[in-house]
Full PDB file with SEQRES, HELIX, SHEET, SSBOND, CRYST1, ORIGX, SCALE, CONECT and MASTER records, all heavy atoms in Angstrom:
SEQRES   1 A   38  GLY GLY LEU VAL GLN ALA GLY GLY SER LEU ARG LEU SER          
SEQRES   2 A   38  CYS THR ALA SER GLY SER ILE PHE SER ALA ASN ALA ILE          
SEQRES   3 A   38  VAL TRP TYR ARG GLN PRO PRO GLY ASN GLN ARG ASP              
HELIX    1 AA1 ILE A   20  SER A   22  5                                   3    
CRYST1    1.000    1.000    1.000  90.00  90.00  90.00 P 1           1          
ORIGX1      1.000000  0.000000  0.000000        0.00000                         
ORIGX2      0.000000  1.000000  0.000000        0.00000                         
ORIGX3      0.000000  0.000000  1.000000        0.00000                         
SCALE1      1.000000  0.000000  0.000000        0.00000                         
SCALE2      0.000000  1.000000  0.000000        0.00000                         
SCALE3      0.000000  0.000000  1.000000        0.00000                         
ATOM      1  N   GLY A   1       0.809  -1.207   0.021  1.00  0.00           N  
ATOM      2  CA  GLY A   1      -0.017   0.020   0.030  1.00  0.00           C  
ATOM      3  C   GLY A   1       0.845   1.300   0.063  1.00  0.00           C  
ATOM      4  O   GLY A   1       2.039   1.165   0.045  1.00  0.00           O  
ATOM      5  N   GLY A   2       0.210   2.409  -0.063  1.00  0.00           N  
ATOM      6  CA  GLY A   2       0.946   3.731  -0.062  1.00  0.00           C  
ATOM      7  C   GLY A   2      -0.010   4.783  -0.460  1.00  0.00           C  
ATOM      8  O   GLY A   2      -1.247   4.633  -0.574  1.00  0.00           O  
ATOM      9  N   LEU A   3       0.603   5.915  -0.694  1.00  0.00           N  
ATOM     10  CA  LEU A   3      -0.049   7.136  -1.131  1.00  0.00           C  
ATOM     11  C   LEU A   3       0.129   7.271  -2.544  1.00  0.00           C  
ATOM     12  O   LEU A   3       1.262   7.317  -3.029  1.00  0.00           O  
ATOM     13  CB  LEU A   3       0.426   8.351  -0.379  1.00  0.00           C  
ATOM     14  CG  LEU A   3      -0.099   9.687  -0.762  1.00  0.00           C  
ATOM     15  CD1 LEU A   3      -1.527   9.808  -0.527  1.00  0.00           C  
ATOM     16  CD2 LEU A   3       0.654  10.836   0.009  1.00  0.00           C  
ATOM     17  N   VAL A   4      -0.953   7.434  -3.289  1.00  0.00           N  
ATOM     18  CA  VAL A   4      -0.902   7.582  -4.777  1.00  0.00           C  
ATOM     19  C   VAL A   4      -1.916   8.563  -5.290  1.00  0.00           C  
ATOM     20  O   VAL A   4      -2.961   8.802  -4.628  1.00  0.00           O  
ATOM     21  CB  VAL A   4      -1.039   6.262  -5.465  1.00  0.00           C  
ATOM     22  CG1 VAL A   4      -2.452   5.701  -5.198  1.00  0.00           C  
ATOM     23  CG2 VAL A   4      -0.740   6.281  -6.878  1.00  0.00           C  
ATOM     24  N   GLN A   5      -1.521   9.263  -6.341  1.00  0.00           N  
ATOM     25  CA  GLN A   5      -2.573  10.251  -6.882  1.00  0.00           C  
ATOM     26  C   GLN A   5      -3.570   9.448  -7.677  1.00  0.00           C  
ATOM     27  O   GLN A   5      -3.407   8.406  -8.179  1.00  0.00           O  
ATOM     28  CB  GLN A   5      -1.864  11.208  -7.802  1.00  0.00           C  
ATOM     29  CG  GLN A   5      -0.990  12.210  -7.090  1.00  0.00           C  
ATOM     30  CD  GLN A   5      -0.351  13.287  -7.926  1.00  0.00           C  
ATOM     31  OE1 GLN A   5      -0.180  13.006  -9.181  1.00  0.00           O  
ATOM     32  NE2 GLN A   5      -0.180  14.452  -7.453  1.00  0.00           N  
ATOM     33  N   ALA A   6      -4.739  10.127  -7.776  1.00  0.00           N  
ATOM     34  CA  ALA A   6      -5.798   9.503  -8.617  1.00  0.00           C  
ATOM     35  C   ALA A   6      -5.282   9.247 -10.118  1.00  0.00           C  
ATOM     36  O   ALA A   6      -4.593   9.997 -10.699  1.00  0.00           O  
ATOM     37  CB  ALA A   6      -6.976  10.448  -8.696  1.00  0.00           C  
ATOM     38  N   GLY A   7      -5.685   8.050 -10.500  1.00  0.00           N  
ATOM     39  CA  GLY A   7      -5.243   7.564 -11.842  1.00  0.00           C  
ATOM     40  C   GLY A   7      -3.976   6.708 -11.730  1.00  0.00           C  
ATOM     41  O   GLY A   7      -3.503   6.051 -12.732  1.00  0.00           O  
ATOM     42  N   GLY A   8      -3.349   6.650 -10.594  1.00  0.00           N  
ATOM     43  CA  GLY A   8      -2.205   5.904 -10.453  1.00  0.00           C  
ATOM     44  C   GLY A   8      -2.408   4.393 -10.163  1.00  0.00           C  
ATOM     45  O   GLY A   8      -3.619   3.958 -10.167  1.00  0.00           O  
ATOM     46  N   SER A   9      -1.364   3.669  -9.882  1.00  0.00           N  
ATOM     47  CA  SER A   9      -1.489   2.222  -9.778  1.00  0.00           C  
ATOM     48  C   SER A   9      -0.645   1.725  -8.538  1.00  0.00           C  
ATOM     49  O   SER A   9       0.346   2.404  -8.172  1.00  0.00           O  
ATOM     50  CB  SER A   9      -0.885   1.510 -10.942  1.00  0.00           C  
ATOM     51  OG  SER A   9      -1.635   1.763 -12.114  1.00  0.00           O  
ATOM     52  N   LEU A  10      -1.091   0.688  -7.981  1.00  0.00           N  
ATOM     53  CA  LEU A  10      -0.407   0.030  -6.808  1.00  0.00           C  
ATOM     54  C   LEU A  10      -0.549  -1.536  -7.009  1.00  0.00           C  
ATOM     55  O   LEU A  10      -1.658  -1.965  -7.519  1.00  0.00           O  
ATOM     56  CB  LEU A  10      -0.935   0.391  -5.535  1.00  0.00           C  
ATOM     57  CG  LEU A  10      -0.556   1.792  -4.968  1.00  0.00           C  
ATOM     58  CD1 LEU A  10      -1.450   2.083  -3.624  1.00  0.00           C  
ATOM     59  CD2 LEU A  10       0.943   1.909  -4.714  1.00  0.00           C  
ATOM     60  N   ARG A  11       0.376  -2.352  -6.537  1.00  0.00           N  
ATOM     61  CA  ARG A  11       0.122  -3.760  -6.507  1.00  0.00           C  
ATOM     62  C   ARG A  11       0.279  -4.183  -5.056  1.00  0.00           C  
ATOM     63  O   ARG A  11       1.344  -4.023  -4.482  1.00  0.00           O  
ATOM     64  CB  ARG A  11       1.122  -4.512  -7.371  1.00  0.00           C  
ATOM     65  CG  ARG A  11       0.793  -5.925  -7.448  1.00  0.00           C  
ATOM     66  CD  ARG A  11       1.753  -6.729  -8.376  1.00  0.00           C  
ATOM     67  NE  ARG A  11       2.943  -7.156  -7.739  1.00  0.00           N  
ATOM     68  CZ  ARG A  11       3.711  -8.218  -8.011  1.00  0.00           C  
ATOM     69  NH1 ARG A  11       3.245  -8.994  -9.007  1.00  0.00           N  
ATOM     70  NH2 ARG A  11       4.733  -8.537  -7.414  1.00  0.00           N  
ATOM     71  N   LEU A  12      -0.766  -4.770  -4.576  1.00  0.00           N  
ATOM     72  CA  LEU A  12      -0.770  -5.343  -3.185  1.00  0.00           C  
ATOM     73  C   LEU A  12      -0.339  -6.730  -3.177  1.00  0.00           C  
ATOM     74  O   LEU A  12      -0.718  -7.441  -4.150  1.00  0.00           O  
ATOM     75  CB  LEU A  12      -2.092  -5.132  -2.479  1.00  0.00           C  
ATOM     76  CG  LEU A  12      -2.768  -3.768  -2.537  1.00  0.00           C  
ATOM     77  CD1 LEU A  12      -4.051  -3.765  -1.803  1.00  0.00           C  
ATOM     78  CD2 LEU A  12      -1.753  -2.750  -1.987  1.00  0.00           C  
ATOM     79  N   SER A  13       0.344  -7.163  -2.121  1.00  0.00           N  
ATOM     80  CA  SER A  13       0.743  -8.511  -1.977  1.00  0.00           C  
ATOM     81  C   SER A  13       0.243  -9.055  -0.685  1.00  0.00           C  
ATOM     82  O   SER A  13       0.137  -8.392   0.344  1.00  0.00           O  
ATOM     83  CB  SER A  13       2.341  -8.707  -1.934  1.00  0.00           C  
ATOM     84  OG  SER A  13       2.847  -8.143  -3.131  1.00  0.00           O  
ATOM     85  N   CYS A  14      -0.065 -10.363  -0.768  1.00  0.00           N  
ATOM     86  CA  CYS A  14      -0.626 -11.088   0.370  1.00  0.00           C  
ATOM     87  C   CYS A  14       0.247 -12.368   0.493  1.00  0.00           C  
ATOM     88  O   CYS A  14       0.225 -13.192  -0.383  1.00  0.00           O  
ATOM     89  CB  CYS A  14      -2.086 -11.435   0.250  1.00  0.00           C  
ATOM     90  SG  CYS A  14      -2.719 -12.560   1.439  1.00  0.00           S  
ATOM     91  N   THR A  15       0.904 -12.504   1.627  1.00  0.00           N  
ATOM     92  CA  THR A  15       1.632 -13.754   1.863  1.00  0.00           C  
ATOM     93  C   THR A  15       1.212 -14.362   3.197  1.00  0.00           C  
ATOM     94  O   THR A  15       0.549 -13.630   4.000  1.00  0.00           O  
ATOM     95  CB  THR A  15       3.236 -13.467   1.881  1.00  0.00           C  
ATOM     96  OG1 THR A  15       3.460 -12.505   2.846  1.00  0.00           O  
ATOM     97  CG2 THR A  15       3.644 -12.994   0.553  1.00  0.00           C  
ATOM     98  N   ALA A  16       1.608 -15.580   3.475  1.00  0.00           N  
ATOM     99  CA  ALA A  16       1.168 -16.246   4.640  1.00  0.00           C  
ATOM    100  C   ALA A  16       2.204 -17.205   5.174  1.00  0.00           C  
ATOM    101  O   ALA A  16       3.014 -17.668   4.454  1.00  0.00           O  
ATOM    102  CB  ALA A  16      -0.125 -17.066   4.346  1.00  0.00           C  
ATOM    103  N   SER A  17       2.094 -17.482   6.466  1.00  0.00           N  
ATOM    104  CA  SER A  17       2.986 -18.415   7.140  1.00  0.00           C  
ATOM    105  C   SER A  17       2.706 -19.817   6.657  1.00  0.00           C  
ATOM    106  O   SER A  17       3.729 -20.599   6.640  1.00  0.00           O  
ATOM    107  CB  SER A  17       3.008 -18.217   8.630  1.00  0.00           C  
ATOM    108  OG  SER A  17       1.581 -18.509   9.040  1.00  0.00           O  
ATOM    109  N   GLY A  18       1.441 -20.181   6.517  1.00  0.00           N  
ATOM    110  CA  GLY A  18       1.100 -21.512   6.042  1.00  0.00           C  
ATOM    111  C   GLY A  18       0.691 -21.356   4.608  1.00  0.00           C  
ATOM    112  O   GLY A  18       0.805 -20.348   3.960  1.00  0.00           O  
ATOM    113  N   SER A  19       0.248 -22.499   4.043  1.00  0.00           N  
ATOM    114  CA  SER A  19      -0.219 -22.414   2.703  1.00  0.00           C  
ATOM    115  C   SER A  19      -1.511 -21.682   2.491  1.00  0.00           C  
ATOM    116  O   SER A  19      -2.608 -22.068   2.969  1.00  0.00           O  
ATOM    117  CB  SER A  19      -0.510 -23.879   2.210  1.00  0.00           C  
ATOM    118  OG  SER A  19      -1.037 -23.909   0.883  1.00  0.00           O  
ATOM    119  N   ILE A  20      -1.312 -20.541   1.711  1.00  0.00           N  
ATOM    120  CA  ILE A  20      -2.427 -19.670   1.537  1.00  0.00           C  
ATOM    121  C   ILE A  20      -3.451 -20.406   0.683  1.00  0.00           C  
ATOM    122  O   ILE A  20      -4.676 -19.996   0.666  1.00  0.00           O  
ATOM    123  CB  ILE A  20      -1.890 -18.403   0.994  1.00  0.00           C  
ATOM    124  CG1 ILE A  20      -2.987 -17.270   1.161  1.00  0.00           C  
ATOM    125  CG2 ILE A  20      -1.624 -18.548  -0.522  1.00  0.00           C  
ATOM    126  CD1 ILE A  20      -2.431 -15.902   0.904  1.00  0.00           C  
ATOM    127  N   PHE A  21      -3.005 -21.391  -0.061  1.00  0.00           N  
ATOM    128  CA  PHE A  21      -3.881 -22.021  -1.030  1.00  0.00           C  
ATOM    129  C   PHE A  21      -4.596 -23.262  -0.405  1.00  0.00           C  
ATOM    130  O   PHE A  21      -5.210 -24.015  -1.175  1.00  0.00           O  
ATOM    131  CB  PHE A  21      -3.128 -22.352  -2.269  1.00  0.00           C  
ATOM    132  CG  PHE A  21      -2.568 -21.040  -2.910  1.00  0.00           C  
ATOM    133  CD1 PHE A  21      -1.162 -20.962  -3.073  1.00  0.00           C  
ATOM    134  CD2 PHE A  21      -3.328 -20.031  -3.343  1.00  0.00           C  
ATOM    135  CE1 PHE A  21      -0.584 -19.829  -3.622  1.00  0.00           C  
ATOM    136  CE2 PHE A  21      -2.776 -18.895  -3.882  1.00  0.00           C  
ATOM    137  CZ  PHE A  21      -1.429 -18.857  -3.992  1.00  0.00           C  
ATOM    138  N   SER A  22      -4.451 -23.368   0.846  1.00  0.00           N  
ATOM    139  CA  SER A  22      -5.307 -24.479   1.480  1.00  0.00           C  
ATOM    140  C   SER A  22      -6.785 -24.067   1.499  1.00  0.00           C  
ATOM    141  O   SER A  22      -7.561 -25.014   1.729  1.00  0.00           O  
ATOM    142  CB  SER A  22      -4.798 -24.733   2.945  1.00  0.00           C  
ATOM    143  OG  SER A  22      -4.936 -23.503   3.704  1.00  0.00           O  
ATOM    144  N   ALA A  23      -7.047 -22.878   1.252  1.00  0.00           N  
ATOM    145  CA  ALA A  23      -8.417 -22.521   1.266  1.00  0.00           C  
ATOM    146  C   ALA A  23      -9.055 -22.622  -0.137  1.00  0.00           C  
ATOM    147  O   ALA A  23      -8.258 -22.672  -1.071  1.00  0.00           O  
ATOM    148  CB  ALA A  23      -8.599 -20.952   1.690  1.00  0.00           C  
ATOM    149  N   ASN A  24     -10.261 -22.763  -0.233  1.00  0.00           N  
ATOM    150  CA  ASN A  24     -10.941 -22.878  -1.569  1.00  0.00           C  
ATOM    151  C   ASN A  24     -11.055 -21.558  -2.363  1.00  0.00           C  
ATOM    152  O   ASN A  24     -11.432 -21.568  -3.432  1.00  0.00           O  
ATOM    153  CB  ASN A  24     -12.359 -23.563  -1.460  1.00  0.00           C  
ATOM    154  CG  ASN A  24     -13.347 -22.748  -0.521  1.00  0.00           C  
ATOM    155  OD1 ASN A  24     -12.976 -21.673  -0.067  1.00  0.00           O  
ATOM    156  ND2 ASN A  24     -14.431 -23.350  -0.370  1.00  0.00           N  
ATOM    157  N   ALA A  25     -10.714 -20.473  -1.603  1.00  0.00           N  
ATOM    158  CA  ALA A  25     -10.722 -19.160  -2.232  1.00  0.00           C  
ATOM    159  C   ALA A  25      -9.977 -18.151  -1.442  1.00  0.00           C  
ATOM    160  O   ALA A  25      -9.833 -18.357  -0.172  1.00  0.00           O  
ATOM    161  CB  ALA A  25     -12.155 -18.606  -2.417  1.00  0.00           C  
ATOM    162  N   ILE A  26      -9.375 -17.150  -2.068  1.00  0.00           N  
ATOM    163  CA  ILE A  26      -8.698 -16.065  -1.350  1.00  0.00           C  
ATOM    164  C   ILE A  26      -9.373 -14.835  -1.807  1.00  0.00           C  
ATOM    165  O   ILE A  26      -9.698 -14.698  -2.984  1.00  0.00           O  
ATOM    166  CB  ILE A  26      -7.181 -16.004  -1.701  1.00  0.00           C  
ATOM    167  CG1 ILE A  26      -6.439 -17.266  -1.132  1.00  0.00           C  
ATOM    168  CG2 ILE A  26      -6.579 -14.753  -1.038  1.00  0.00           C  
ATOM    169  CD1 ILE A  26      -6.493 -17.390   0.340  1.00  0.00           C  
ATOM    170  N   VAL A  27      -9.684 -13.935  -0.843  1.00  0.00           N  
ATOM    171  CA  VAL A  27     -10.370 -12.782  -1.008  1.00  0.00           C  
ATOM    172  C   VAL A  27      -9.534 -11.550  -0.598  1.00  0.00           C  
ATOM    173  O   VAL A  27      -9.002 -11.595   0.437  1.00  0.00           O  
ATOM    174  CB  VAL A  27     -11.663 -12.775  -0.186  1.00  0.00           C  
ATOM    175  CG1 VAL A  27     -12.525 -11.580  -0.448  1.00  0.00           C  
ATOM    176  CG2 VAL A  27     -12.512 -14.063  -0.482  1.00  0.00           C  
ATOM    177  N   TRP A  28      -9.595 -10.503  -1.428  1.00  0.00           N  
ATOM    178  CA  TRP A  28      -9.136  -9.165  -0.885  1.00  0.00           C  
ATOM    179  C   TRP A  28     -10.393  -8.401  -0.490  1.00  0.00           C  
ATOM    180  O   TRP A  28     -11.316  -8.288  -1.191  1.00  0.00           O  
ATOM    181  CB  TRP A  28      -8.478  -8.449  -2.089  1.00  0.00           C  
ATOM    182  CG  TRP A  28      -7.040  -8.780  -2.266  1.00  0.00           C  
ATOM    183  CD1 TRP A  28      -6.511  -9.684  -3.292  1.00  0.00           C  
ATOM    184  CD2 TRP A  28      -5.910  -8.404  -1.488  1.00  0.00           C  
ATOM    185  NE1 TRP A  28      -5.222  -9.760  -3.137  1.00  0.00           N  
ATOM    186  CE2 TRP A  28      -4.788  -8.973  -2.094  1.00  0.00           C  
ATOM    187  CE3 TRP A  28      -5.745  -7.530  -0.460  1.00  0.00           C  
ATOM    188  CZ2 TRP A  28      -3.520  -8.750  -1.530  1.00  0.00           C  
ATOM    189  CZ3 TRP A  28      -4.467  -7.259   0.044  1.00  0.00           C  
ATOM    190  CH2 TRP A  28      -3.323  -7.905  -0.485  1.00  0.00           C  
ATOM    191  N   TYR A  29     -10.280  -7.935   0.811  1.00  0.00           N  
ATOM    192  CA  TYR A  29     -11.256  -7.059   1.328  1.00  0.00           C  
ATOM    193  C   TYR A  29     -10.663  -5.696   1.464  1.00  0.00           C  
ATOM    194  O   TYR A  29      -9.480  -5.469   1.550  1.00  0.00           O  
ATOM    195  CB  TYR A  29     -11.641  -7.603   2.782  1.00  0.00           C  
ATOM    196  CG  TYR A  29     -12.172  -8.982   2.812  1.00  0.00           C  
ATOM    197  CD1 TYR A  29     -11.219 -10.071   2.914  1.00  0.00           C  
ATOM    198  CD2 TYR A  29     -13.526  -9.301   2.783  1.00  0.00           C  
ATOM    199  CE1 TYR A  29     -11.775 -11.353   3.009  1.00  0.00           C  
ATOM    200  CE2 TYR A  29     -13.992 -10.584   2.921  1.00  0.00           C  
ATOM    201  CZ  TYR A  29     -13.089 -11.566   2.895  1.00  0.00           C  
ATOM    202  OH  TYR A  29     -13.546 -12.903   3.073  1.00  0.00           O  
ATOM    203  N   ARG A  30     -11.552  -4.657   1.718  1.00  0.00           N  
ATOM    204  CA  ARG A  30     -11.103  -3.324   2.060  1.00  0.00           C  
ATOM    205  C   ARG A  30     -12.099  -2.657   3.085  1.00  0.00           C  
ATOM    206  O   ARG A  30     -13.299  -2.987   3.063  1.00  0.00           O  
ATOM    207  CB  ARG A  30     -10.860  -2.467   0.837  1.00  0.00           C  
ATOM    208  CG  ARG A  30     -12.139  -2.031   0.159  1.00  0.00           C  
ATOM    209  CD  ARG A  30     -11.819  -1.199  -1.142  1.00  0.00           C  
ATOM    210  NE  ARG A  30     -12.978  -0.780  -1.831  1.00  0.00           N  
ATOM    211  CZ  ARG A  30     -12.903  -0.163  -2.983  1.00  0.00           C  
ATOM    212  NH1 ARG A  30     -11.696   0.065  -3.602  1.00  0.00           N  
ATOM    213  NH2 ARG A  30     -14.083   0.228  -3.706  1.00  0.00           N  
ATOM    214  N   GLN A  31     -11.533  -1.810   3.914  1.00  0.00           N  
ATOM    215  CA  GLN A  31     -12.310  -1.124   4.833  1.00  0.00           C  
ATOM    216  C   GLN A  31     -11.977   0.344   4.848  1.00  0.00           C  
ATOM    217  O   GLN A  31     -10.946   0.790   5.330  1.00  0.00           O  
ATOM    218  CB  GLN A  31     -12.007  -1.722   6.267  1.00  0.00           C  
ATOM    219  CG  GLN A  31     -12.892  -1.120   7.413  1.00  0.00           C  
ATOM    220  CD  GLN A  31     -12.873  -1.924   8.664  1.00  0.00           C  
ATOM    221  OE1 GLN A  31     -11.895  -2.703   8.881  1.00  0.00           O  
ATOM    222  NE2 GLN A  31     -13.832  -1.707   9.567  1.00  0.00           N  
ATOM    223  N   PRO A  32     -12.888   1.148   4.240  1.00  0.00           N  
ATOM    224  CA  PRO A  32     -12.687   2.591   4.236  1.00  0.00           C  
ATOM    225  C   PRO A  32     -12.856   3.124   5.561  1.00  0.00           C  
ATOM    226  O   PRO A  32     -13.523   2.516   6.491  1.00  0.00           O  
ATOM    227  CB  PRO A  32     -13.766   3.065   3.209  1.00  0.00           C  
ATOM    228  CG  PRO A  32     -14.257   1.818   2.543  1.00  0.00           C  
ATOM    229  CD  PRO A  32     -14.014   0.690   3.475  1.00  0.00           C  
ATOM    230  N   PRO A  33     -12.363   4.357   5.811  1.00  0.00           N  
ATOM    231  CA  PRO A  33     -12.539   4.912   7.196  1.00  0.00           C  
ATOM    232  C   PRO A  33     -13.943   5.059   7.603  1.00  0.00           C  
ATOM    233  O   PRO A  33     -14.809   5.524   6.834  1.00  0.00           O  
ATOM    234  CB  PRO A  33     -11.927   6.323   6.977  1.00  0.00           C  
ATOM    235  CG  PRO A  33     -10.969   6.183   5.840  1.00  0.00           C  
ATOM    236  CD  PRO A  33     -11.557   5.168   4.895  1.00  0.00           C  
ATOM    237  N   GLY A  34     -14.227   4.540   8.796  1.00  0.00           N  
ATOM    238  CA  GLY A  34     -15.612   4.562   9.277  1.00  0.00           C  
ATOM    239  C   GLY A  34     -16.632   3.696   8.708  1.00  0.00           C  
ATOM    240  O   GLY A  34     -17.735   3.822   8.942  1.00  0.00           O  
ATOM    241  N   ASN A  35     -16.092   2.820   7.828  1.00  0.00           N  
ATOM    242  CA  ASN A  35     -17.127   1.895   7.177  1.00  0.00           C  
ATOM    243  C   ASN A  35     -16.763   0.485   7.412  1.00  0.00           C  
ATOM    244  O   ASN A  35     -15.774   0.112   8.026  1.00  0.00           O  
ATOM    245  CB  ASN A  35     -17.059   2.175   5.609  1.00  0.00           C  
ATOM    246  CG  ASN A  35     -17.730   3.422   5.242  1.00  0.00           C  
ATOM    247  OD1 ASN A  35     -18.927   3.492   5.137  1.00  0.00           O  
ATOM    248  ND2 ASN A  35     -16.966   4.486   5.046  1.00  0.00           N  
ATOM    249  N   GLN A  36     -17.649  -0.443   6.983  1.00  0.00           N  
ATOM    250  CA  GLN A  36     -17.359  -1.859   7.198  1.00  0.00           C  
ATOM    251  C   GLN A  36     -16.447  -2.422   6.233  1.00  0.00           C  
ATOM    252  O   GLN A  36     -16.181  -1.769   5.212  1.00  0.00           O  
ATOM    253  CB  GLN A  36     -18.724  -2.623   7.113  1.00  0.00           C  
ATOM    254  CG  GLN A  36     -19.307  -2.539   5.717  1.00  0.00           C  
ATOM    255  CD  GLN A  36     -20.711  -3.261   5.638  1.00  0.00           C  
ATOM    256  OE1 GLN A  36     -21.358  -3.479   6.578  1.00  0.00           O  
ATOM    257  NE2 GLN A  36     -21.060  -3.603   4.385  1.00  0.00           N  
ATOM    258  N   ARG A  37     -15.974  -3.592   6.489  1.00  0.00           N  
ATOM    259  CA  ARG A  37     -15.026  -4.251   5.594  1.00  0.00           C  
ATOM    260  C   ARG A  37     -15.904  -4.990   4.502  1.00  0.00           C  
ATOM    261  O   ARG A  37     -16.842  -5.737   4.741  1.00  0.00           O  
ATOM    262  CB  ARG A  37     -14.271  -5.347   6.421  1.00  0.00           C  
ATOM    263  CG  ARG A  37     -13.026  -5.977   5.691  1.00  0.00           C  
ATOM    264  CD  ARG A  37     -12.285  -6.762   6.689  1.00  0.00           C  
ATOM    265  NE  ARG A  37     -11.727  -5.907   7.731  1.00  0.00           N  
ATOM    266  CZ  ARG A  37     -11.132  -6.426   8.817  1.00  0.00           C  
ATOM    267  NH1 ARG A  37     -10.908  -7.709   8.918  1.00  0.00           N  
ATOM    268  NH2 ARG A  37     -10.643  -5.640   9.776  1.00  0.00           N  
ATOM    269  N   ASP A  38     -15.448  -4.754   3.284  1.00  0.00           N  
ATOM    270  CA  ASP A  38     -16.201  -5.324   2.102  1.00  0.00           C  
ATOM    271  C   ASP A  38     -15.295  -6.089   1.189  1.00  0.00           C  
ATOM    272  O   ASP A  38     -14.175  -5.912   1.099  1.00  0.00           O  
ATOM    273  CB  ASP A  38     -16.893  -4.156   1.338  1.00  0.00           C  
ATOM    274  CG  ASP A  38     -18.003  -3.495   2.035  1.00  0.00           C  
ATOM    275  OD1 ASP A  38     -18.695  -4.244   2.784  1.00  0.00           O  
ATOM    276  OD2 ASP A  38     -18.247  -2.289   1.897  1.00  0.00           O  
TER     277      ASP A  38                                                      
MASTER        0    0    0    1    0    0    0    6  276    1    0    3          
END                                                                             
């Protein structure tokens, strides 16, 4: 993550101590300030 101007790009990474692919799906969620995680 980081600070970027509108129109810019970022690449997020998710790593894990165990096998992340032991699950039947992996989801990216986000939680804006003052809002629920979606």
